[in-house]
Amino acid sequence: MCGIVGYIGPRQCKGLLFDGLKRLEYRGYDSAGIALIADGSIHVAKSEGKLKELESHLNRLPSSSTVGMGHTRWATHGPPTTDNAHPHVSGHIALIQNGSIDNYQDIKEELVADGVVFKSQTDTEVVLHLMNKITVKTPDFGKALVEL
């Protein structure tokens, strides 16, 4: 189980996302994270443990962002650590997911053989790197999702 919240709109969203995560903490209390887009870059704050741990890292995120997403995690693949907290980022993609990818180990082995270096033990990061690899060949994100 996980809690996922997102925002795209005219308001600054860092506080909105954190407030949303507070309401969803019961869905995942092992780790939490927020990703924001600002100035053409993805900015991430993550921590293991309850949301109060993440709150101390929020000052690293830009206040001006109006696009972002947040996640509370109940660990399934990989222990509850900051590295395993979502969102995961690779290239121009940040990813959060709820669920389990059954064949992630096979995909991970292929990606490692291609030189991909993993930062976590999660199945989510496997999907992220696979998507990043596909978007190199298929830059249209919608088409890349279909190919995934």
C-alpha atoms as a PDB file:
ATOM      1  CA  MET A   1       0.000   0.000   0.000  1.00  0.00           C
ATOM      2  CA  CYS A   2       1.175   3.534  -0.750  1.00  0.00           C
ATOM      3  CA  GLY A   3      -0.222   7.026  -0.779  1.00  0.00           C
ATOM      4  CA  ILE A   4       0.183   9.129  -3.907  1.00  0.00           C
ATOM      5  CA  VAL A   5      -0.688  12.790  -4.393  1.00  0.00           C
ATOM      6  CA  GLY A   6      -0.023  15.148  -7.306  1.00  0.00           C
ATOM      7  CA  TYR A   7      -0.661  18.743  -8.271  1.00  0.00           C
ATOM      8  CA  ILE A   8      -0.515  20.821 -11.444  1.00  0.00           C
ATOM      9  CA  GLY A   9      -1.976  24.297 -11.197  1.00  0.00           C
ATOM     10  CA  PRO A  10      -1.421  27.972 -10.478  1.00  0.00           C
ATOM     11  CA  ARG A  11      -0.570  27.648  -6.773  1.00  0.00           C
ATOM     12  CA  GLN A  12       2.775  26.904  -5.192  1.00  0.00           C
ATOM     13  CA  CYS A  13       2.514  23.218  -4.442  1.00  0.00           C
ATOM     14  CA  LYS A  14       5.191  22.144  -1.954  1.00  0.00           C
ATOM     15  CA  GLY A  15       2.902  22.727   1.043  1.00  0.00           C
ATOM     16  CA  LEU A  16      -0.148  21.347  -0.769  1.00  0.00           C
ATOM     17  CA  LEU A  17       1.665  18.097  -1.520  1.00  0.00           C
ATOM     18  CA  PHE A  18       2.964  17.734   2.021  1.00  0.00           C
ATOM     19  CA  ASP A  19      -0.524  18.345   3.423  1.00  0.00           C
ATOM     20  CA  GLY A  20      -1.868  15.718   1.031  1.00  0.00           C
ATOM     21  CA  LEU A  21       0.755  13.247   2.208  1.00  0.00           C
ATOM     22  CA  LYS A  22      -0.234  13.870   5.823  1.00  0.00           C
ATOM     23  CA  ARG A  23      -3.734  12.686   4.932  1.00  0.00           C
ATOM     24  CA  LEU A  24      -2.289   9.587   3.245  1.00  0.00           C
ATOM     25  CA  GLU A  25       0.387   8.631   5.758  1.00  0.00           C
ATOM     26  CA  TYR A  26      -1.725   5.731   7.005  1.00  0.00           C
ATOM     27  CA  ARG A  27      -1.214   4.175   3.530  1.00  0.00           C
ATOM     28  CA  GLY A  28       2.566   4.114   3.903  1.00  0.00           C
ATOM     29  CA  TYR A  29       4.738   4.979   6.863  1.00  0.00           C
ATOM     30  CA  ASP A  30       8.113   3.461   5.908  1.00  0.00           C
ATOM     31  CA  SER A  31       9.361   6.395   3.811  1.00  0.00           C
ATOM     32  CA  ALA A  32       8.129   9.426   1.908  1.00  0.00           C
ATOM     33  CA  GLY A  33       9.194  11.804  -0.824  1.00  0.00           C
ATOM     34  CA  ILE A  34       8.208  14.760  -2.961  1.00  0.00           C
ATOM     35  CA  ALA A  35       9.348  15.705  -6.489  1.00  0.00           C
ATOM     36  CA  LEU A  36       8.786  19.182  -7.905  1.00  0.00           C
ATOM     37  CA  ILE A  37       9.475  20.685 -11.305  1.00  0.00           C
ATOM     38  CA  ALA A  38      10.997  24.161 -11.225  1.00  0.00           C
ATOM     39  CA  ASP A  39      13.227  26.020 -13.660  1.00  0.00           C
ATOM     40  CA  GLY A  40      13.153  23.062 -16.056  1.00  0.00           C
ATOM     41  CA  SER A  41      14.584  20.643 -13.488  1.00  0.00           C
ATOM     42  CA  ILE A  42      13.273  17.946 -11.163  1.00  0.00           C
ATOM     43  CA  HIS A  43      13.933  18.617  -7.470  1.00  0.00           C
ATOM     44  CA  VAL A  44      13.470  15.785  -4.945  1.00  0.00           C
ATOM     45  CA  ALA A  45      13.364  15.449  -1.173  1.00  0.00           C
ATOM     46  CA  LYS A  46      13.066  11.956   0.343  1.00  0.00           C
ATOM     47  CA  SER A  47      13.482  10.321   3.724  1.00  0.00           C
ATOM     48  CA  GLU A  48      12.904   7.048   5.477  1.00  0.00           C
ATOM     49  CA  GLY A  49      10.463   6.939   8.343  1.00  0.00           C
ATOM     50  CA  LYS A  50       7.362   8.963   8.996  1.00  0.00           C
ATOM     51  CA  LEU A  51       6.485  12.263   7.343  1.00  0.00           C
ATOM     52  CA  LYS A  52       8.005  14.323  10.135  1.00  0.00           C
ATOM     53  CA  GLU A  53      11.382  13.085   8.841  1.00  0.00           C
ATOM     54  CA  LEU A  54      10.595  14.337   5.334  1.00  0.00           C
ATOM     55  CA  GLU A  55       9.419  17.705   6.653  1.00  0.00           C
ATOM     56  CA  SER A  56      12.954  18.590   7.750  1.00  0.00           C
ATOM     57  CA  HIS A  57      14.157  18.163   4.123  1.00  0.00           C
ATOM     58  CA  LEU A  58      11.469  20.289   2.443  1.00  0.00           C
ATOM     59  CA  ASN A  59      13.558  23.462   2.660  1.00  0.00           C
ATOM     60  CA  ARG A  60      15.750  21.959  -0.124  1.00  0.00           C
ATOM     61  CA  LEU A  61      12.826  22.165  -2.536  1.00  0.00           C
ATOM     62  CA  PRO A  62      12.007  25.347  -4.469  1.00  0.00           C
ATOM     63  CA  SER A  63       8.970  27.188  -3.136  1.00  0.00           C
ATOM     64  CA  SER A  64       7.978  28.543  -6.546  1.00  0.00           C
ATOM     65  CA  SER A  65       7.026  25.181  -8.112  1.00  0.00           C
ATOM     66  CA  THR A  66       3.455  24.683  -9.297  1.00  0.00           C
ATOM     67  CA  VAL A  67       3.935  21.076 -10.480  1.00  0.00           C
ATOM     68  CA  GLY A  68       4.764  18.131  -8.274  1.00  0.00           C
ATOM     69  CA  MET A  69       3.964  14.780  -6.757  1.00  0.00           C
ATOM     70  CA  GLY A  70       4.400  13.049  -3.428  1.00  0.00           C
ATOM     71  CA  HIS A  71       4.472   9.507  -2.098  1.00  0.00           C
ATOM     72  CA  THR A  72       4.242   7.651   1.184  1.00  0.00           C
ATOM     73  CA  ARG A  73       5.637   4.136   0.993  1.00  0.00           C
ATOM     74  CA  TRP A  74       4.861   0.857   2.594  1.00  0.00           C
ATOM     75  CA  ALA A  75       7.894  -1.203   1.544  1.00  0.00           C
ATOM     76  CA  THR A  76       7.331  -4.228  -0.690  1.00  0.00           C
ATOM     77  CA  HIS A  77      10.562  -4.510  -2.754  1.00  0.00           C
ATOM     78  CA  GLY A  78      13.607  -3.245  -0.913  1.00  0.00           C
ATOM     79  CA  PRO A  79      13.820  -2.192   2.727  1.00  0.00           C
ATOM     80  CA  PRO A  80      12.440   1.114   4.032  1.00  0.00           C
ATOM     81  CA  THR A  81      15.412   3.387   3.303  1.00  0.00           C
ATOM     82  CA  THR A  82      15.841   6.862   1.854  1.00  0.00           C
ATOM     83  CA  ASP A  83      17.316   5.370  -1.347  1.00  0.00           C
ATOM     84  CA  ASN A  84      14.231   3.174  -1.759  1.00  0.00           C
ATOM     85  CA  ALA A  85      11.791   6.033  -1.067  1.00  0.00           C
ATOM     86  CA  HIS A  86       9.834   7.338  -4.041  1.00  0.00           C
ATOM     87  CA  PRO A  87       9.972   9.355  -6.250  1.00  0.00           C
ATOM     88  CA  HIS A  88      12.788   7.859  -8.245  1.00  0.00           C
ATOM     89  CA  VAL A  89      14.435  10.010 -10.926  1.00  0.00           C
ATOM     90  CA  SER A  90      16.338   9.122 -14.071  1.00  0.00           C
ATOM     91  CA  GLY A  91      17.083  11.686 -16.744  1.00  0.00           C
ATOM     92  CA  HIS A  92      14.008  13.829 -17.319  1.00  0.00           C
ATOM     93  CA  ILE A  93      11.578  11.384 -15.681  1.00  0.00           C
ATOM     94  CA  ALA A  94      10.413  11.117 -12.067  1.00  0.00           C
ATOM     95  CA  LEU A  95       8.285   8.102 -11.150  1.00  0.00           C
ATOM     96  CA  ILE A  96       6.055   7.043  -8.292  1.00  0.00           C
ATOM     97  CA  GLN A  97       4.020   3.841  -8.372  1.00  0.00           C
ATOM     98  CA  ASN A  98       1.855   1.698  -6.171  1.00  0.00           C
ATOM     99  CA  GLY A  99       1.974  -2.015  -6.736  1.00  0.00           C
ATOM    100  CA  SER A 100       4.470  -4.723  -7.572  1.00  0.00           C
ATOM    101  CA  ILE A 101       6.201  -5.517 -10.857  1.00  0.00           C
ATOM    102  CA  ASP A 102       6.471  -9.306 -10.960  1.00  0.00           C
ATOM    103  CA  ASN A 103       9.181  -9.579 -13.615  1.00  0.00           C
ATOM    104  CA  TYR A 104      11.275  -6.629 -12.415  1.00  0.00           C
ATOM    105  CA  GLN A 105      14.317  -8.811 -11.653  1.00  0.00           C
ATOM    106  CA  ASP A 106      14.562 -10.039 -15.266  1.00  0.00           C
ATOM    107  CA  ILE A 107      14.226  -6.480 -16.599  1.00  0.00           C
ATOM    108  CA  LYS A 108      16.792  -5.236 -14.076  1.00  0.00           C
ATOM    109  CA  GLU A 109      19.336  -7.830 -15.210  1.00  0.00           C
ATOM    110  CA  GLU A 110      18.936  -6.662 -18.829  1.00  0.00           C
ATOM    111  CA  LEU A 111      19.338  -3.010 -17.818  1.00  0.00           C
ATOM    112  CA  VAL A 112      22.417  -3.742 -15.682  1.00  0.00           C
ATOM    113  CA  ALA A 113      23.918  -5.579 -18.681  1.00  0.00           C
ATOM    114  CA  ASP A 114      23.307  -2.356 -20.660  1.00  0.00           C
ATOM    115  CA  GLY A 115      25.252  -0.377 -18.050  1.00  0.00           C
ATOM    116  CA  VAL A 116      22.421   1.065 -15.970  1.00  0.00           C
ATOM    117  CA  VAL A 117      23.422   1.766 -12.366  1.00  0.00           C
ATOM    118  CA  PHE A 118      20.681   1.409  -9.767  1.00  0.00           C
ATOM    119  CA  LYS A 119      20.402   3.504  -6.615  1.00  0.00           C
ATOM    120  CA  SER A 120      17.665   1.448  -4.957  1.00  0.00           C
ATOM    121  CA  GLN A 121      16.379  -2.079  -4.571  1.00  0.00           C
ATOM    122  CA  THR A 122      12.854  -1.220  -5.769  1.00  0.00           C
ATOM    123  CA  ASP A 123      10.891  -2.540  -8.699  1.00  0.00           C
ATOM    124  CA  THR A 124       9.798   1.051  -9.394  1.00  0.00           C
ATOM    125  CA  GLU A 125      13.324   2.149 -10.276  1.00  0.00           C
ATOM    126  CA  VAL A 126      13.501  -0.698 -12.796  1.00  0.00           C
ATOM    127  CA  VAL A 127      10.420   0.647 -14.600  1.00  0.00           C
ATOM    128  CA  LEU A 128      11.879   4.162 -14.460  1.00  0.00           C
ATOM    129  CA  HIS A 129      15.148   3.159 -16.138  1.00  0.00           C
ATOM    130  CA  LEU A 130      13.306   1.073 -18.711  1.00  0.00           C
ATOM    131  CA  MET A 131      11.112   4.079 -19.530  1.00  0.00           C
ATOM    132  CA  ASN A 132      14.154   6.338 -19.732  1.00  0.00           C
ATOM    133  CA  LYS A 133      15.792   3.877 -22.149  1.00  0.00           C
ATOM    134  CA  ILE A 134      12.669   3.759 -24.332  1.00  0.00           C
ATOM    135  CA  THR A 135      12.323   7.562 -24.487  1.00  0.00           C
ATOM    136  CA  VAL A 136      15.821   7.803 -25.957  1.00  0.00           C
ATOM    137  CA  LYS A 137      14.539   5.858 -29.001  1.00  0.00           C
ATOM    138  CA  THR A 138      10.961   7.168 -28.825  1.00  0.00           C
ATOM    139  CA  PRO A 139      11.018  10.771 -27.550  1.00  0.00           C
ATOM    140  CA  ASP A 140       7.233  11.125 -27.721  1.00  0.00           C
ATOM    141  CA  PHE A 141       6.336  10.270 -24.125  1.00  0.00           C
ATOM    142  CA  GLY A 142       2.865   8.909 -24.982  1.00  0.00           C
ATOM    143  CA  LYS A 143       4.258   6.596 -27.645  1.00  0.00           C
ATOM    144  CA  ALA A 144       7.020   5.524 -25.249  1.00  0.00           C
ATOM    145  CA  LEU A 145       4.414   4.578 -22.638  1.00  0.00           C
ATOM    146  CA  VAL A 146       2.653   2.382 -25.176  1.00  0.00           C
ATOM    147  CA  GLU A 147       5.971   0.732 -26.032  1.00  0.00           C
ATOM    148  CA  LEU A 148       6.662   0.116 -22.358  1.00  0.00           C
END
